[in-house]
């Protein structure tokens, strides 16, 4: 199987200290690198805590998926990382759920972590079924 490494100019670029692609396609799946709540126009975390960051993350994921030729509704697995699990879980869960139709939610793991890059409160990565 061929592997395609993908980067998209409209998505936030990797920080200078990180070496990664926005997404990698292997067969019929696209593995999307964890996104932070970084505004691509400023390359800085958005202000407003976990809720604002979660909204920006979901927009960033949509940009990456659009570039890869697929959509959020083809997500098969999501992983969410939260620095303040207890306080931010309900907020992030509400934002995340609003991006999916009906009860068609992907499989998901949500974990608490001690720190995220750039001092972020939230990070989300995806595994998505590619369009044919």
Protein backbone atom coordinates (compact mmCIF):
# COMPACT_ATOMS: atom_id res chain seq x y z
CA UNK A 1 0.00 0.00 0.00
CA UNK A 2 1.14 3.50 -0.77
CA UNK A 3 1.52 6.08 1.98
CA UNK A 4 0.77 9.76 1.30
CA UNK A 5 2.07 12.47 3.62
CA UNK A 6 -0.13 15.58 3.44
CA UNK A 7 0.27 19.19 4.54
CA UNK A 8 -2.21 21.98 3.85
CA UNK A 9 -1.41 25.71 3.72
CA UNK A 10 -4.73 26.73 5.34
CA UNK A 11 -4.09 24.63 8.47
CA UNK A 12 -1.84 25.80 11.30
CA UNK A 13 1.78 24.89 10.51
CA UNK A 14 3.72 22.58 12.82
CA UNK A 15 5.73 24.48 15.42
CA UNK A 16 9.42 24.80 14.49
CA UNK A 17 10.30 22.19 17.13
CA UNK A 18 7.89 19.55 15.76
CA UNK A 19 8.31 17.40 12.67
CA UNK A 20 4.99 16.05 11.40
CA UNK A 21 2.52 16.07 8.54
CA UNK A 22 -1.04 17.35 9.00
CA UNK A 23 -2.29 13.95 7.87
CA UNK A 24 -1.08 10.65 6.49
CA UNK A 25 -3.14 8.47 4.17
CA UNK A 26 -2.58 4.73 4.27
CA UNK A 27 -4.99 2.70 2.21
CA UNK A 28 -8.54 3.76 2.93
CA UNK A 29 -7.74 5.61 6.16
CA UNK A 30 -6.43 9.08 6.94
CA UNK A 31 -4.59 9.62 10.22
CA UNK A 32 -4.86 13.26 11.28
CA UNK A 33 -2.22 14.72 13.58
CA UNK A 34 -3.46 16.15 16.84
CA UNK A 35 -4.66 19.70 16.41
CA UNK A 36 -4.47 22.46 18.98
CA UNK A 37 -6.68 25.54 19.20
CA UNK A 38 -4.27 27.57 17.07
CA UNK A 39 -5.66 30.25 14.78
CA UNK A 40 -3.95 29.72 11.39
CA UNK A 41 -3.95 33.47 10.73
CA UNK A 42 -1.89 34.25 13.86
CA UNK A 43 -0.26 30.88 14.66
CA UNK A 44 -1.23 31.49 18.29
CA UNK A 45 -3.65 29.74 20.63
CA UNK A 46 -7.07 31.36 20.63
CA UNK A 47 -8.14 33.18 23.77
CA UNK A 48 -11.06 31.84 25.78
CA UNK A 49 -9.94 28.58 27.34
CA UNK A 50 -11.02 25.05 26.53
CA UNK A 51 -14.27 25.98 24.80
CA UNK A 52 -12.70 28.45 22.38
CA UNK A 53 -9.79 26.09 21.76
CA UNK A 54 -12.14 23.14 21.08
CA UNK A 55 -14.09 25.19 18.53
CA UNK A 56 -10.87 26.25 16.79
CA UNK A 57 -9.59 22.67 16.84
CA UNK A 58 -12.74 21.42 15.14
CA UNK A 59 -12.38 24.15 12.47
CA UNK A 60 -8.72 23.18 11.99
CA UNK A 61 -9.68 19.51 11.65
CA UNK A 62 -12.27 20.44 9.02
CA UNK A 63 -9.57 22.32 7.07
CA UNK A 64 -7.22 19.33 7.15
CA UNK A 65 -9.98 16.90 6.18
CA UNK A 66 -11.17 19.13 3.35
CA UNK A 67 -7.61 19.22 2.05
CA UNK A 68 -7.46 15.43 2.29
CA UNK A 69 -10.73 15.12 0.37
CA UNK A 70 -12.92 13.86 3.20
CA UNK A 71 -15.14 15.17 6.00
CA UNK A 72 -15.68 14.94 9.75
CA UNK A 73 -18.70 12.68 9.29
CA UNK A 74 -16.33 9.95 8.05
CA UNK A 75 -14.39 9.95 11.33
CA UNK A 76 -14.06 6.45 12.76
CA UNK A 77 -11.94 7.26 15.84
CA UNK A 78 -11.17 10.39 17.82
CA UNK A 79 -8.76 10.94 20.69
CA UNK A 80 -9.18 13.94 22.94
CA UNK A 81 -6.50 15.09 25.38
CA UNK A 82 -7.46 17.43 28.22
CA UNK A 83 -5.16 19.14 30.72
CA UNK A 84 -8.05 19.93 33.12
CA UNK A 85 -10.10 16.77 32.62
CA UNK A 86 -12.74 17.25 35.31
CA UNK A 87 -13.58 20.87 34.55
CA UNK A 88 -13.13 20.83 30.76
CA UNK A 89 -14.65 17.46 29.80
CA UNK A 90 -18.31 18.63 29.72
CA UNK A 91 -17.43 21.82 27.84
CA UNK A 92 -15.25 20.11 25.22
CA UNK A 93 -17.72 17.23 24.88
CA UNK A 94 -20.53 19.66 24.04
CA UNK A 95 -18.44 21.45 21.40
CA UNK A 96 -17.18 18.17 19.91
CA UNK A 97 -20.66 16.59 19.76
CA UNK A 98 -22.09 19.63 17.95
CA UNK A 99 -19.94 18.82 14.90
CA UNK A 100 -21.58 15.41 14.31
CA UNK A 101 -25.10 14.68 13.04
CA UNK A 102 -27.60 12.75 15.11
CA UNK A 103 -26.05 9.93 17.06
CA UNK A 104 -23.45 9.08 14.41
CA UNK A 105 -20.51 9.61 16.74
CA UNK A 106 -17.12 8.05 16.05
CA UNK A 107 -15.42 5.77 18.54
CA UNK A 108 -13.51 7.93 21.01
CA UNK A 109 -11.00 7.99 23.81
CA UNK A 110 -10.67 11.00 26.11
CA UNK A 111 -7.76 11.21 28.53
CA UNK A 112 -6.38 13.64 31.04
CA UNK A 113 -2.79 14.72 30.50
CA UNK A 114 -0.36 16.85 32.49
CA UNK A 115 0.68 19.21 29.69
CA UNK A 116 0.11 19.96 26.00
CA UNK A 117 2.26 21.85 23.49
CA UNK A 118 2.04 25.65 23.56
CA UNK A 119 0.24 25.46 26.93
CA UNK A 120 -2.96 24.32 25.22
CA UNK A 121 -5.91 23.00 27.23
CA UNK A 122 -7.16 20.59 24.52
CA UNK A 123 -5.80 18.51 21.65
CA UNK A 124 -7.76 16.25 19.28
CA UNK A 125 -6.53 13.75 16.69
CA UNK A 126 -8.58 11.62 14.30
CA UNK A 127 -8.64 8.51 12.18
CA UNK A 128 -10.95 9.07 9.22
CA UNK A 129 -12.21 6.93 6.36
CA UNK A 130 -11.01 8.39 3.07
CA UNK A 131 -13.41 9.08 0.24
CA UNK A 132 -13.06 6.64 -2.60
